Amino acid sequence: MACDKECELIQFRIASAQFMRVQPRPRAGAPADLEQKLLGLVKHELETDIHTCPEGCDCVIKEPVEVSNTERIKKVFDGTYTAWYKVRLVKYRTPGECMPKSDPLPEEQS
């Protein structure tokens, strides 16, 4: 399939995430980095790159243009704890052109 079309790369990045609360209240012996671990889940779920090219094409971007901010409450669950974060999410929309995907360089055998 030809790749010669305009595209858009849409990226979501977390500008700030403020810890609000967690349930159940962590007992003694809960991991000290629990807040960070749960924040990692927030990032994993929200920080994405989306491009509008056909399969097998990459969106080669020109320059970032449109930036928008949204604030939302994000709830994550790690199997034990449910945490809420107030997240400021930045959305970058960048126009570009679709190009055929380049073959990745073969990895050297160690």
C-alpha atoms as a PDB file:
ATOM      1  CA  MET A   1       0.000   0.000   0.000  1.00  0.00           C
ATOM      2  CA  ALA A   2       1.304   3.425  -0.907  1.00  0.00           C
ATOM      3  CA  CYS A   3       2.368   5.665   1.914  1.00  0.00           C
ATOM      4  CA  ASP A   4       2.108   8.976   0.087  1.00  0.00           C
ATOM      5  CA  LYS A   5      -0.409  10.781   2.210  1.00  0.00           C
ATOM      6  CA  GLU A   6      -0.502  13.419   4.900  1.00  0.00           C
ATOM      7  CA  CYS A   7      -0.668  12.154   8.436  1.00  0.00           C
ATOM      8  CA  GLU A   8      -0.806  13.352  11.959  1.00  0.00           C
ATOM      9  CA  LEU A   9       1.187  12.172  14.920  1.00  0.00           C
ATOM     10  CA  ILE A  10      -0.754  12.570  18.144  1.00  0.00           C
ATOM     11  CA  GLN A  11       1.205  12.200  21.365  1.00  0.00           C
ATOM     12  CA  PHE A  12      -0.125  12.255  24.900  1.00  0.00           C
ATOM     13  CA  ARG A  13       2.316  13.143  27.663  1.00  0.00           C
ATOM     14  CA  ILE A  14       1.702  13.689  31.358  1.00  0.00           C
ATOM     15  CA  ALA A  15       2.716  17.210  32.359  1.00  0.00           C
ATOM     16  CA  SER A  16       1.941  16.644  36.022  1.00  0.00           C
ATOM     17  CA  ALA A  17       0.287  14.011  38.155  1.00  0.00           C
ATOM     18  CA  GLN A  18      -0.759  14.811  41.681  1.00  0.00           C
ATOM     19  CA  PHE A  19      -1.395  11.907  44.012  1.00  0.00           C
ATOM     20  CA  MET A  20      -4.828  12.254  45.599  1.00  0.00           C
ATOM     21  CA  ARG A  21      -5.703   9.127  47.567  1.00  0.00           C
ATOM     22  CA  VAL A  22      -5.346   5.371  47.693  1.00  0.00           C
ATOM     23  CA  GLN A  23      -7.659   2.606  48.927  1.00  0.00           C
ATOM     24  CA  PRO A  24      -7.368   0.523  50.988  1.00  0.00           C
ATOM     25  CA  ARG A  25      -5.084   2.584  53.202  1.00  0.00           C
ATOM     26  CA  PRO A  26      -1.645   0.958  52.893  1.00  0.00           C
ATOM     27  CA  ARG A  27      -0.797  -1.104  55.941  1.00  0.00           C
ATOM     28  CA  ALA A  28       2.594  -1.248  57.578  1.00  0.00           C
ATOM     29  CA  GLY A  29       4.824  -3.183  55.228  1.00  0.00           C
ATOM     30  CA  ALA A  30       3.322  -1.740  52.049  1.00  0.00           C
ATOM     31  CA  PRO A  31       6.041  -0.990  49.495  1.00  0.00           C
ATOM     32  CA  ALA A  32       7.641   2.389  50.183  1.00  0.00           C
ATOM     33  CA  ASP A  33       7.530   3.172  46.464  1.00  0.00           C
ATOM     34  CA  LEU A  34       3.827   2.322  46.177  1.00  0.00           C
ATOM     35  CA  GLU A  35       2.916   5.846  45.045  1.00  0.00           C
ATOM     36  CA  GLN A  36       5.623   5.753  42.355  1.00  0.00           C
ATOM     37  CA  LYS A  37       4.595   2.273  41.239  1.00  0.00           C
ATOM     38  CA  LEU A  38       0.987   3.349  40.861  1.00  0.00           C
ATOM     39  CA  LEU A  39       2.103   6.488  39.015  1.00  0.00           C
ATOM     40  CA  GLY A  40       3.958   4.190  36.614  1.00  0.00           C
ATOM     41  CA  LEU A  41       0.614   2.554  35.811  1.00  0.00           C
ATOM     42  CA  VAL A  42      -0.912   5.978  35.139  1.00  0.00           C
ATOM     43  CA  LYS A  43       1.903   6.799  32.699  1.00  0.00           C
ATOM     44  CA  HIS A  44       1.670   3.407  31.042  1.00  0.00           C
ATOM     45  CA  GLU A  45      -2.063   3.833  30.452  1.00  0.00           C
ATOM     46  CA  LEU A  46      -2.071   7.487  29.387  1.00  0.00           C
ATOM     47  CA  GLU A  47       1.191   8.216  27.577  1.00  0.00           C
ATOM     48  CA  THR A  48       0.672   7.072  24.006  1.00  0.00           C
ATOM     49  CA  ASP A  49       1.722   7.877  20.457  1.00  0.00           C
ATOM     50  CA  ILE A  50      -0.896   7.502  17.733  1.00  0.00           C
ATOM     51  CA  HIS A  51      -0.304   8.095  14.055  1.00  0.00           C
ATOM     52  CA  THR A  52      -2.758   8.126  11.201  1.00  0.00           C
ATOM     53  CA  CYS A  53      -0.721   6.281   8.548  1.00  0.00           C
ATOM     54  CA  PRO A  54      -1.627   3.039   6.801  1.00  0.00           C
ATOM     55  CA  GLU A  55      -0.093  -0.196   8.121  1.00  0.00           C
ATOM     56  CA  GLY A  56       3.593  -0.476   7.211  1.00  0.00           C
ATOM     57  CA  CYS A  57       4.125   3.279   7.071  1.00  0.00           C
ATOM     58  CA  ASP A  58       5.627   5.668   9.609  1.00  0.00           C
ATOM     59  CA  CYS A  59       4.512   9.229  10.157  1.00  0.00           C
ATOM     60  CA  VAL A  60       7.522  11.482   9.561  1.00  0.00           C
ATOM     61  CA  ILE A  61       6.731  14.713  11.322  1.00  0.00           C
ATOM     62  CA  LYS A  62       7.484  18.261  10.282  1.00  0.00           C
ATOM     63  CA  GLU A  63       7.194  20.292  13.480  1.00  0.00           C
ATOM     64  CA  PRO A  64       4.910  20.311  16.502  1.00  0.00           C
ATOM     65  CA  VAL A  65       2.010  22.666  16.085  1.00  0.00           C
ATOM     66  CA  GLU A  66      -0.987  22.236  18.245  1.00  0.00           C
ATOM     67  CA  VAL A  67      -0.711  21.634  21.946  1.00  0.00           C
ATOM     68  CA  SER A  68      -3.699  21.222  24.215  1.00  0.00           C
ATOM     69  CA  ASN A  69      -3.969  20.497  27.920  1.00  0.00           C
ATOM     70  CA  THR A  70      -6.650  18.582  29.722  1.00  0.00           C
ATOM     71  CA  GLU A  71      -7.004  17.847  33.398  1.00  0.00           C
ATOM     72  CA  ARG A  72      -8.627  14.664  34.517  1.00  0.00           C
ATOM     73  CA  ILE A  73      -8.800  12.302  37.415  1.00  0.00           C
ATOM     74  CA  LYS A  74      -7.211   8.948  36.587  1.00  0.00           C
ATOM     75  CA  LYS A  75      -7.929   5.871  38.669  1.00  0.00           C
ATOM     76  CA  VAL A  76      -5.513   2.923  38.565  1.00  0.00           C
ATOM     77  CA  PHE A  77      -5.599  -0.472  40.220  1.00  0.00           C
ATOM     78  CA  ASP A  78      -2.509  -2.633  40.723  1.00  0.00           C
ATOM     79  CA  GLY A  79      -4.247  -5.734  41.996  1.00  0.00           C
ATOM     80  CA  THR A  80      -4.244  -4.587  45.618  1.00  0.00           C
ATOM     81  CA  TYR A  81      -4.542  -0.830  45.741  1.00  0.00           C
ATOM     82  CA  THR A  82      -6.721   1.611  43.871  1.00  0.00           C
ATOM     83  CA  ALA A  83      -5.221   5.084  43.554  1.00  0.00           C
ATOM     84  CA  TRP A  84      -6.501   8.359  42.170  1.00  0.00           C
ATOM     85  CA  TYR A  85      -4.288  10.952  40.527  1.00  0.00           C
ATOM     86  CA  LYS A  86      -5.122  14.408  39.247  1.00  0.00           C
ATOM     87  CA  VAL A  87      -3.345  14.381  35.892  1.00  0.00           C
ATOM     88  CA  ARG A  88      -2.591  17.197  33.490  1.00  0.00           C
ATOM     89  CA  LEU A  89      -2.330  15.551  30.109  1.00  0.00           C
ATOM     90  CA  VAL A  90      -0.734  17.360  27.182  1.00  0.00           C
ATOM     91  CA  LYS A  91      -1.774  16.414  23.654  1.00  0.00           C
ATOM     92  CA  TYR A  92       0.618  17.285  20.820  1.00  0.00           C
ATOM     93  CA  ARG A  93      -0.770  17.165  17.271  1.00  0.00           C
ATOM     94  CA  THR A  94       1.939  17.202  14.638  1.00  0.00           C
ATOM     95  CA  PRO A  95       1.326  17.087  10.893  1.00  0.00           C
ATOM     96  CA  GLY A  96       3.638  14.950   8.804  1.00  0.00           C
ATOM     97  CA  GLU A  97       3.899  12.687   5.806  1.00  0.00           C
ATOM     98  CA  CYS A  98       3.651   8.918   5.670  1.00  0.00           C
ATOM     99  CA  MET A  99       6.842   7.141   4.650  1.00  0.00           C
ATOM    100  CA  PRO A 100       7.466   3.426   4.165  1.00  0.00           C
ATOM    101  CA  LYS A 101       8.773   1.876   7.369  1.00  0.00           C
ATOM    102  CA  SER A 102      12.501   1.345   7.211  1.00  0.00           C
ATOM    103  CA  ASP A 103      13.677  -2.138   8.053  1.00  0.00           C
ATOM    104  CA  PRO A 104      15.196  -2.249  11.527  1.00  0.00           C
ATOM    105  CA  LEU A 105      18.914  -2.920  11.538  1.00  0.00           C
ATOM    106  CA  PRO A 106      19.648  -6.588  12.216  1.00  0.00           C
ATOM    107  CA  GLU A 107      20.757  -7.061  15.798  1.00  0.00           C
ATOM    108  CA  GLU A 108      24.296  -8.284  16.204  1.00  0.00           C
ATOM    109  CA  GLN A 109      24.597 -11.765  17.633  1.00  0.00           C
ATOM    110  CA  SER A 110      26.493 -11.723  20.907  1.00  0.00           C
END
